[in-house]
Protein backbone atom coordinates (compact mmCIF):
# COMPACT_ATOMS: atom_id res chain seq x y z
CA MET A 1 32.76 -153.75 18.53
CA ARG A 2 32.46 -157.34 17.29
CA HIS A 3 29.34 -156.34 15.36
CA LEU A 4 31.31 -153.54 13.72
CA ARG A 5 34.17 -155.89 12.85
CA SER A 6 31.89 -158.46 11.21
CA GLY A 7 30.04 -155.72 9.35
CA LEU A 8 33.26 -154.22 7.99
CA ALA A 9 34.59 -157.66 7.05
CA ALA A 10 31.52 -158.15 4.85
CA VAL A 11 32.15 -154.96 2.84
CA ALA A 12 33.72 -155.55 -0.57
CA GLY A 13 37.18 -154.05 -0.78
CA LEU A 14 37.70 -153.88 2.99
CA ALA A 15 39.59 -156.42 5.06
CA VAL A 16 39.74 -156.32 8.84
CA ALA A 17 43.31 -157.07 9.88
CA GLY A 18 42.74 -157.01 13.63
CA GLU A 19 41.00 -155.53 16.61
CA ALA A 20 42.63 -154.10 19.71
CA GLY A 21 41.47 -153.02 23.12
CA PRO A 22 43.87 -150.85 25.11
CA ALA A 23 46.52 -148.71 23.39
CA ASP A 24 49.36 -151.11 24.24
CA GLU A 25 47.47 -153.95 22.54
CA LEU A 26 47.02 -151.77 19.45
CA LEU A 27 50.74 -150.94 19.34
CA ALA A 28 51.66 -154.62 19.71
CA GLN A 29 49.41 -155.60 16.80
CA LEU A 30 50.74 -152.82 14.60
CA ALA A 31 54.32 -153.93 15.26
CA VAL A 32 53.49 -157.37 13.82
CA ALA A 33 51.42 -156.44 10.76
CA PRO A 34 50.52 -152.79 10.22
CA PRO A 35 47.44 -152.40 8.00
CA ASP A 36 46.96 -149.63 5.45
CA VAL A 37 44.27 -147.92 7.56
CA VAL A 38 43.98 -147.88 11.36
CA LEU A 39 40.56 -146.85 12.65
CA LEU A 40 41.43 -145.34 16.01
CA ASP A 41 38.48 -145.50 18.38
CA LEU A 42 38.92 -142.56 20.73
CA ARG A 43 37.01 -144.47 23.40
CA LEU A 44 39.89 -146.93 23.83
CA PRO A 45 40.78 -147.43 27.48
CA GLY A 46 43.83 -145.63 28.78
CA PRO A 47 45.12 -142.11 29.14
CA ASP A 48 44.48 -139.47 26.48
CA ILE A 49 44.07 -141.66 23.43
CA LEU A 50 44.57 -138.63 21.16
CA ALA A 51 48.17 -138.60 22.37
CA LEU A 52 48.68 -141.83 20.40
CA LEU A 53 48.17 -140.06 17.07
CA PRO A 54 51.58 -138.33 16.81
CA ALA A 55 53.38 -141.55 17.82
CA LEU A 56 51.43 -143.56 15.25
CA ARG A 57 52.15 -140.99 12.53
CA GLU A 58 55.85 -141.03 13.38
CA GLN A 59 56.17 -144.81 13.65
CA TYR A 60 53.90 -145.64 10.70
CA PRO A 61 54.01 -142.65 8.35
CA GLN A 62 52.43 -144.54 5.44
CA ARG A 63 49.39 -145.62 7.46
CA ARG A 64 46.16 -143.69 7.24
CA LEU A 65 44.58 -142.86 10.60
CA PRO A 66 40.90 -142.00 10.77
CA ALA A 67 39.59 -141.41 14.28
CA ARG A 68 36.19 -142.47 15.54
CA GLY A 69 34.68 -140.62 18.47
CA GLU A 70 31.50 -139.37 20.01
CA LEU A 71 32.38 -135.73 20.53
CA THR A 72 31.15 -133.16 18.02
CA ASN A 73 33.00 -130.25 19.58
CA GLU A 74 34.88 -128.53 16.75
CA HIS A 75 37.94 -127.89 18.91
CA TYR A 76 38.19 -131.55 19.95
CA VAL A 77 37.97 -132.72 16.35
CA ALA A 78 40.45 -130.03 15.25
CA ARG A 79 42.84 -131.36 17.91
CA ALA A 80 42.52 -134.85 16.44
CA PHE A 81 43.48 -133.44 13.01
CA ASP A 82 46.31 -131.37 14.50
CA LEU A 83 47.72 -134.49 16.16
CA GLY A 84 47.63 -136.52 12.96
CA ALA A 85 44.19 -137.95 12.26
CA HIS A 86 43.30 -138.20 8.58
CA GLY A 87 39.59 -138.23 9.30
CA TYR A 88 36.96 -138.18 12.00
CA VAL A 89 33.79 -140.23 12.04
CA LEU A 90 31.21 -140.00 14.80
CA THR A 91 30.37 -143.18 16.67
CA SER A 92 26.74 -142.30 16.01
CA SER A 93 27.33 -142.25 12.24
CA THR A 94 25.54 -144.77 10.11
CA PHE A 95 27.44 -147.81 8.93
CA ALA A 96 27.42 -146.40 5.38
CA GLU A 97 29.00 -143.15 6.65
CA LEU A 98 31.71 -145.12 8.44
CA VAL A 99 32.49 -147.12 5.30
CA TYR A 100 32.54 -143.89 3.28
CA GLY A 101 34.97 -142.34 5.78
CA LEU A 102 37.26 -145.38 5.70
CA ARG A 103 37.30 -145.50 1.92
CA THR A 104 37.89 -141.75 1.67
CA VAL A 105 40.84 -141.91 4.05
CA ALA A 106 42.22 -145.08 2.41
CA ALA A 107 42.15 -143.25 -0.94
CA GLY A 108 44.47 -140.60 0.48
CA ARG A 109 41.88 -137.92 1.14
CA PHE A 110 40.75 -136.42 4.42
CA CYS A 111 37.28 -136.94 5.78
CA ALA A 112 35.78 -134.34 8.11
CA ARG A 113 32.08 -134.72 7.67
CA SER A 114 29.10 -136.82 8.55
CA SER A 115 25.52 -136.23 7.53
CA GLY A 116 23.32 -134.83 10.23
CA TRP A 117 26.30 -133.42 12.08
CA PRO A 118 25.65 -129.74 12.80
CA CYS A 119 29.28 -128.65 12.72
CA SER A 120 30.28 -130.69 9.67
CA ALA A 121 30.45 -127.64 7.38
CA ALA A 122 32.62 -125.79 9.89
CA LEU A 123 34.94 -128.80 10.18
CA THR A 124 35.22 -129.08 6.42
CA ARG A 125 36.19 -125.39 6.26
CA LEU A 126 38.69 -125.93 9.10
CA ALA A 127 40.25 -128.91 7.33
CA ALA A 128 40.45 -126.92 4.06
CA ARG A 129 42.04 -123.96 5.86
CA GLN A 130 44.68 -126.29 7.31
CA GLY A 131 45.38 -127.68 3.85
CA LEU A 132 43.97 -131.08 4.71
CA ILE A 133 41.34 -131.11 1.96
CA ASP A 134 40.53 -129.05 -1.11
């Protein structure tokens, strides 16, 4: 994760405000200085990390919440969107795809695709059907 942090910090227009481990550490950091975008790694330790999404949306409604995970199952990703994620980027995505996803979500749009991802077209249709994207 440190490699990811240093890589993101080097991207023009992005600033890394913090890095958290378990969910309680994330919530503590957000209480002090909530950033514009919170990249929620779904591999965070603790119980169902997806359950954090509704609480984050309620507590920080102006924050954008892309999720980062390793599962490509359409139903799992749809659940992330249903619970409040503004985007979903695979952990196997390239660094450029991650940056694209962060910028897309920061700009107020939803991101539901990643090149090379077999179900990306289906997820884009799902997001459009739910009114998340055009």
